[in-house]
């Protein structure tokens, strides 16, 4: 019994950690970083004490929850900078960052540092902005990116992109891809007499939800 107990305890702890992280991806992904820790514990089927034993702070849980998205973000930056065609690299980085943000409200919150608990993501954001700055410089020199583009335009784009989190989850990625395509067209230094617009991704099927009329029960 003494030989099996430690292994059983380790197995239970590992299973609890997996459940907590799966629950955190779901809760933070849909509700954002403002979701309470107790909701993560509830979704994971563990008590608050178990949750805090594995992750003493919300920041620690956030960092571990989005570790994979951070790796994907780093890969997107690395791949874009490696492109011999700076405009192609710029486009691919915009597309991949938008897609990562569309997949999880929590990752978008963390990347944009909307909450104090997300400060560990500051380096990711700065790395991405530096990469965009380098790609922008090269793409402008090649005549493919409009001369007036500045890094604040990327921040503006991502701020607007956050609004897509309110669309149904089933349509969010489709909407994000179309949004990114429109933004890339806006950033492109087109020559109307020679260039033709790049075909857009298919549109999402969305419906406007109007507020109830005054007096409606």
Protein backbone atom coordinates (compact mmCIF):
# COMPACT_ATOMS: atom_id res chain seq x y z
CA UNK A 1 0.00 0.00 0.00
CA UNK A 2 2.83 2.41 0.86
CA UNK A 3 4.26 1.97 -2.66
CA UNK A 4 0.93 2.64 -4.41
CA UNK A 5 -0.31 5.60 -2.37
CA UNK A 6 2.21 8.25 -3.58
CA UNK A 7 1.67 7.21 -7.21
CA UNK A 8 -2.12 7.42 -6.73
CA UNK A 9 -1.83 10.85 -5.16
CA UNK A 10 0.38 12.08 -8.01
CA UNK A 11 -2.08 10.70 -10.56
CA UNK A 12 -5.01 12.43 -8.86
CA UNK A 13 -3.10 15.70 -8.71
CA UNK A 14 -2.18 15.43 -12.39
CA UNK A 15 -5.79 14.72 -13.35
CA UNK A 16 -7.01 17.66 -11.28
CA UNK A 17 -4.48 19.98 -12.94
CA UNK A 18 -5.60 18.86 -16.40
CA UNK A 19 -9.26 19.40 -15.50
CA UNK A 20 -8.51 22.85 -14.09
CA UNK A 21 -6.65 23.95 -17.21
CA UNK A 22 -9.37 22.57 -19.52
CA UNK A 23 -11.99 24.41 -17.49
CA UNK A 24 -9.94 27.63 -17.49
CA UNK A 25 -9.60 27.54 -21.28
CA UNK A 26 -13.37 27.24 -21.57
CA UNK A 27 -14.28 29.81 -18.91
CA UNK A 28 -11.67 32.43 -19.79
CA UNK A 29 -12.09 31.70 -23.48
CA UNK A 30 -15.79 32.56 -23.41
CA UNK A 31 -16.09 35.02 -20.52
CA UNK A 32 -12.68 36.71 -20.61
CA UNK A 33 -10.25 37.23 -17.76
CA UNK A 34 -12.90 38.84 -15.59
CA UNK A 35 -14.40 35.41 -14.93
CA UNK A 36 -13.99 34.45 -11.25
CA UNK A 37 -11.69 31.64 -10.13
CA UNK A 38 -14.61 29.92 -8.40
CA UNK A 39 -16.27 29.44 -11.80
CA UNK A 40 -13.14 27.70 -13.07
CA UNK A 41 -13.18 25.44 -10.00
CA UNK A 42 -16.86 24.68 -10.52
CA UNK A 43 -16.37 23.80 -14.18
CA UNK A 44 -13.38 21.61 -13.28
CA UNK A 45 -15.32 19.80 -10.56
CA UNK A 46 -12.78 20.61 -7.85
CA UNK A 47 -12.89 22.67 -4.68
CA UNK A 48 -11.31 26.13 -4.36
CA UNK A 49 -8.57 24.70 -2.14
CA UNK A 50 -7.54 22.26 -4.86
CA UNK A 51 -7.54 25.02 -7.46
CA UNK A 52 -5.35 27.32 -5.35
CA UNK A 53 -3.02 24.47 -4.43
CA UNK A 54 -2.19 24.07 -8.12
CA UNK A 55 -2.41 27.77 -9.04
CA UNK A 56 -1.88 30.07 -6.04
CA UNK A 57 -2.78 33.19 -8.07
CA UNK A 58 -5.04 34.02 -10.98
CA UNK A 59 -2.01 35.27 -12.90
CA UNK A 60 -0.34 31.85 -12.61
CA UNK A 61 -3.47 30.17 -13.94
CA UNK A 62 -3.79 32.62 -16.85
CA UNK A 63 -0.16 32.18 -17.90
CA UNK A 64 -0.45 28.37 -17.90
CA UNK A 65 -3.90 28.37 -19.52
CA UNK A 66 -2.71 30.29 -22.56
CA UNK A 67 0.77 28.77 -22.87
CA UNK A 68 -0.12 27.14 -26.19
CA UNK A 69 -1.53 30.37 -27.65
CA UNK A 70 1.63 32.18 -26.59
CA UNK A 71 3.75 29.58 -28.39
CA UNK A 72 1.58 29.98 -31.49
CA UNK A 73 1.98 33.75 -31.27
CA UNK A 74 5.78 33.42 -31.07
CA UNK A 75 5.73 31.05 -34.06
CA UNK A 76 3.60 33.51 -36.05
CA UNK A 77 6.10 36.28 -35.39
CA UNK A 78 9.07 34.05 -36.23
CA UNK A 79 7.51 32.79 -39.47
CA UNK A 80 6.47 36.26 -40.60
CA UNK A 81 9.96 37.69 -40.08
CA UNK A 82 11.46 34.76 -42.00
CA UNK A 83 9.38 35.53 -45.10
CA UNK A 84 11.48 36.85 -47.97
CA UNK A 85 8.45 38.88 -49.09
CA UNK A 86 7.80 41.43 -46.33
CA UNK A 87 4.23 42.12 -47.47
CA UNK A 88 3.42 38.40 -47.37
CA UNK A 89 4.91 38.20 -43.88
CA UNK A 90 2.94 41.24 -42.75
CA UNK A 91 -0.31 39.75 -44.08
CA UNK A 92 0.27 36.36 -42.51
CA UNK A 93 1.02 37.92 -39.11
CA UNK A 94 -2.17 40.00 -39.16
CA UNK A 95 -4.20 36.91 -40.13
CA UNK A 96 -2.71 34.65 -37.48
CA UNK A 97 -2.93 37.17 -34.65
CA UNK A 98 -6.58 37.87 -35.48
CA UNK A 99 -7.30 34.14 -35.55
CA UNK A 100 -5.68 33.58 -32.15
CA UNK A 101 -7.71 36.43 -30.69
CA UNK A 102 -10.94 35.13 -32.21
CA UNK A 103 -10.44 31.69 -30.70
CA UNK A 104 -10.35 32.96 -27.11
CA UNK A 105 -11.70 36.09 -25.44
CA UNK A 106 -9.30 35.43 -22.57
CA UNK A 107 -6.22 35.36 -24.78
CA UNK A 108 -7.34 38.58 -26.48
CA UNK A 109 -7.77 40.18 -23.03
CA UNK A 110 -4.35 38.96 -21.92
CA UNK A 111 -2.59 40.07 -25.10
CA UNK A 112 -4.12 43.53 -24.92
CA UNK A 113 -3.28 43.68 -21.16
CA UNK A 114 -6.84 44.65 -20.26
CA UNK A 115 -6.40 43.16 -16.78
CA UNK A 116 -3.57 43.47 -14.22
CA UNK A 117 -3.30 39.66 -14.07
CA UNK A 118 -2.17 39.63 -17.72
CA UNK A 119 1.03 41.61 -17.30
CA UNK A 120 3.13 38.55 -18.17
CA UNK A 121 1.84 38.95 -21.73
CA UNK A 122 3.41 42.39 -22.12
CA UNK A 123 6.57 40.85 -23.62
CA UNK A 124 4.48 38.95 -26.19
CA UNK A 125 2.71 42.13 -27.24
CA UNK A 126 5.94 44.09 -27.48
CA UNK A 127 7.59 41.32 -29.50
CA UNK A 128 4.67 41.30 -31.92
CA UNK A 129 4.71 45.07 -32.28
CA UNK A 130 8.45 45.05 -32.97
CA UNK A 131 7.93 42.39 -35.63
CA UNK A 132 5.11 44.35 -37.26
CA UNK A 133 7.28 47.46 -37.16
CA UNK A 134 10.12 45.68 -38.95
CA UNK A 135 7.79 44.09 -41.50
CA UNK A 136 6.04 47.42 -42.06
CA UNK A 137 9.35 49.16 -42.73
CA UNK A 138 10.38 46.54 -45.27
CA UNK A 139 6.93 46.38 -46.91
CA UNK A 140 6.79 50.18 -47.22
CA UNK A 141 10.25 50.24 -48.80
CA UNK A 142 9.01 47.66 -51.32
CA UNK A 143 5.95 49.80 -52.06
CA UNK A 144 3.35 47.29 -50.85
CA UNK A 145 2.26 48.86 -47.54
CA UNK A 146 0.67 52.29 -47.57
CA UNK A 147 3.16 54.95 -46.44
CA UNK A 148 0.93 56.31 -43.68
CA UNK A 149 0.77 53.04 -41.72
CA UNK A 150 1.96 53.30 -38.10
CA UNK A 151 2.01 50.72 -35.29
CA UNK A 152 -0.92 52.42 -33.60
CA UNK A 153 -2.98 51.23 -36.57
CA UNK A 154 -2.39 47.62 -35.51
CA UNK A 155 -3.53 48.44 -31.98
CA UNK A 156 -6.59 50.16 -33.45
CA UNK A 157 -7.31 47.07 -35.56
CA UNK A 158 -7.04 44.69 -32.60
CA UNK A 159 -9.20 46.97 -30.46
CA UNK A 160 -11.91 46.87 -33.13
CA UNK A 161 -11.41 43.12 -33.57
CA UNK A 162 -12.32 42.58 -29.90
CA UNK A 163 -15.88 43.47 -30.81
CA UNK A 164 -16.13 40.14 -32.64
CA UNK A 165 -16.12 38.38 -29.27
CA UNK A 166 -19.80 39.30 -29.01
CA UNK A 167 -20.67 37.31 -32.14
CA UNK A 168 -21.82 33.67 -31.81
CA UNK A 169 -18.89 31.31 -31.31
CA UNK A 170 -19.83 29.32 -34.43
CA UNK A 171 -19.42 32.42 -36.63
CA UNK A 172 -16.56 34.13 -34.79
CA UNK A 173 -13.64 32.64 -36.71
CA UNK A 174 -15.33 33.22 -40.08
CA UNK A 175 -16.04 36.82 -39.11
CA UNK A 176 -12.46 37.27 -37.92
CA UNK A 177 -10.98 36.06 -41.20
CA UNK A 178 -13.17 38.41 -43.22
CA UNK A 179 -12.36 41.30 -40.89
CA UNK A 180 -8.62 40.60 -41.26
CA UNK A 181 -8.95 40.48 -45.04
CA UNK A 182 -10.65 43.88 -45.10
CA UNK A 183 -7.96 45.36 -42.86
CA UNK A 184 -5.17 43.97 -45.02
CA UNK A 185 -6.81 45.54 -48.08
CA UNK A 186 -6.97 48.85 -46.19
CA UNK A 187 -3.26 48.62 -45.33
CA UNK A 188 -2.25 47.72 -48.89
CA UNK A 189 -0.69 50.43 -51.05
CA UNK A 190 -2.72 49.46 -54.10
CA UNK A 191 -2.22 50.80 -57.61
CA UNK A 192 -5.79 50.80 -59.01
CA UNK A 193 -4.72 50.57 -62.62
CA UNK A 194 -2.72 47.38 -62.06
CA UNK A 195 -3.87 45.71 -58.83
CA UNK A 196 -7.12 43.87 -58.28
CA UNK A 197 -8.57 43.25 -54.82
CA UNK A 198 -7.75 39.93 -53.18
CA UNK A 199 -10.88 37.74 -52.89
CA UNK A 200 -12.42 37.95 -49.44
CA UNK A 201 -13.09 34.91 -47.23
CA UNK A 202 -16.78 33.93 -47.06
CA UNK A 203 -18.99 36.17 -44.92
CA UNK A 204 -20.29 34.98 -41.56
CA UNK A 205 -24.04 34.56 -41.15
CA UNK A 206 -24.88 37.07 -38.46
CA UNK A 207 -28.11 38.64 -37.27
CA UNK A 208 -28.50 41.94 -35.52
CA UNK A 209 -29.99 41.63 -32.06
CA UNK A 210 -32.06 44.72 -31.45
CA UNK A 211 -32.86 45.93 -27.92
CA UNK A 212 -36.48 45.49 -26.85
CA UNK A 213 -38.81 48.38 -27.49
CA UNK A 214 -39.80 50.51 -24.48
CA UNK A 215 -42.71 48.93 -22.69
CA UNK A 216 -42.04 45.46 -24.10
CA UNK A 217 -42.64 42.90 -21.31
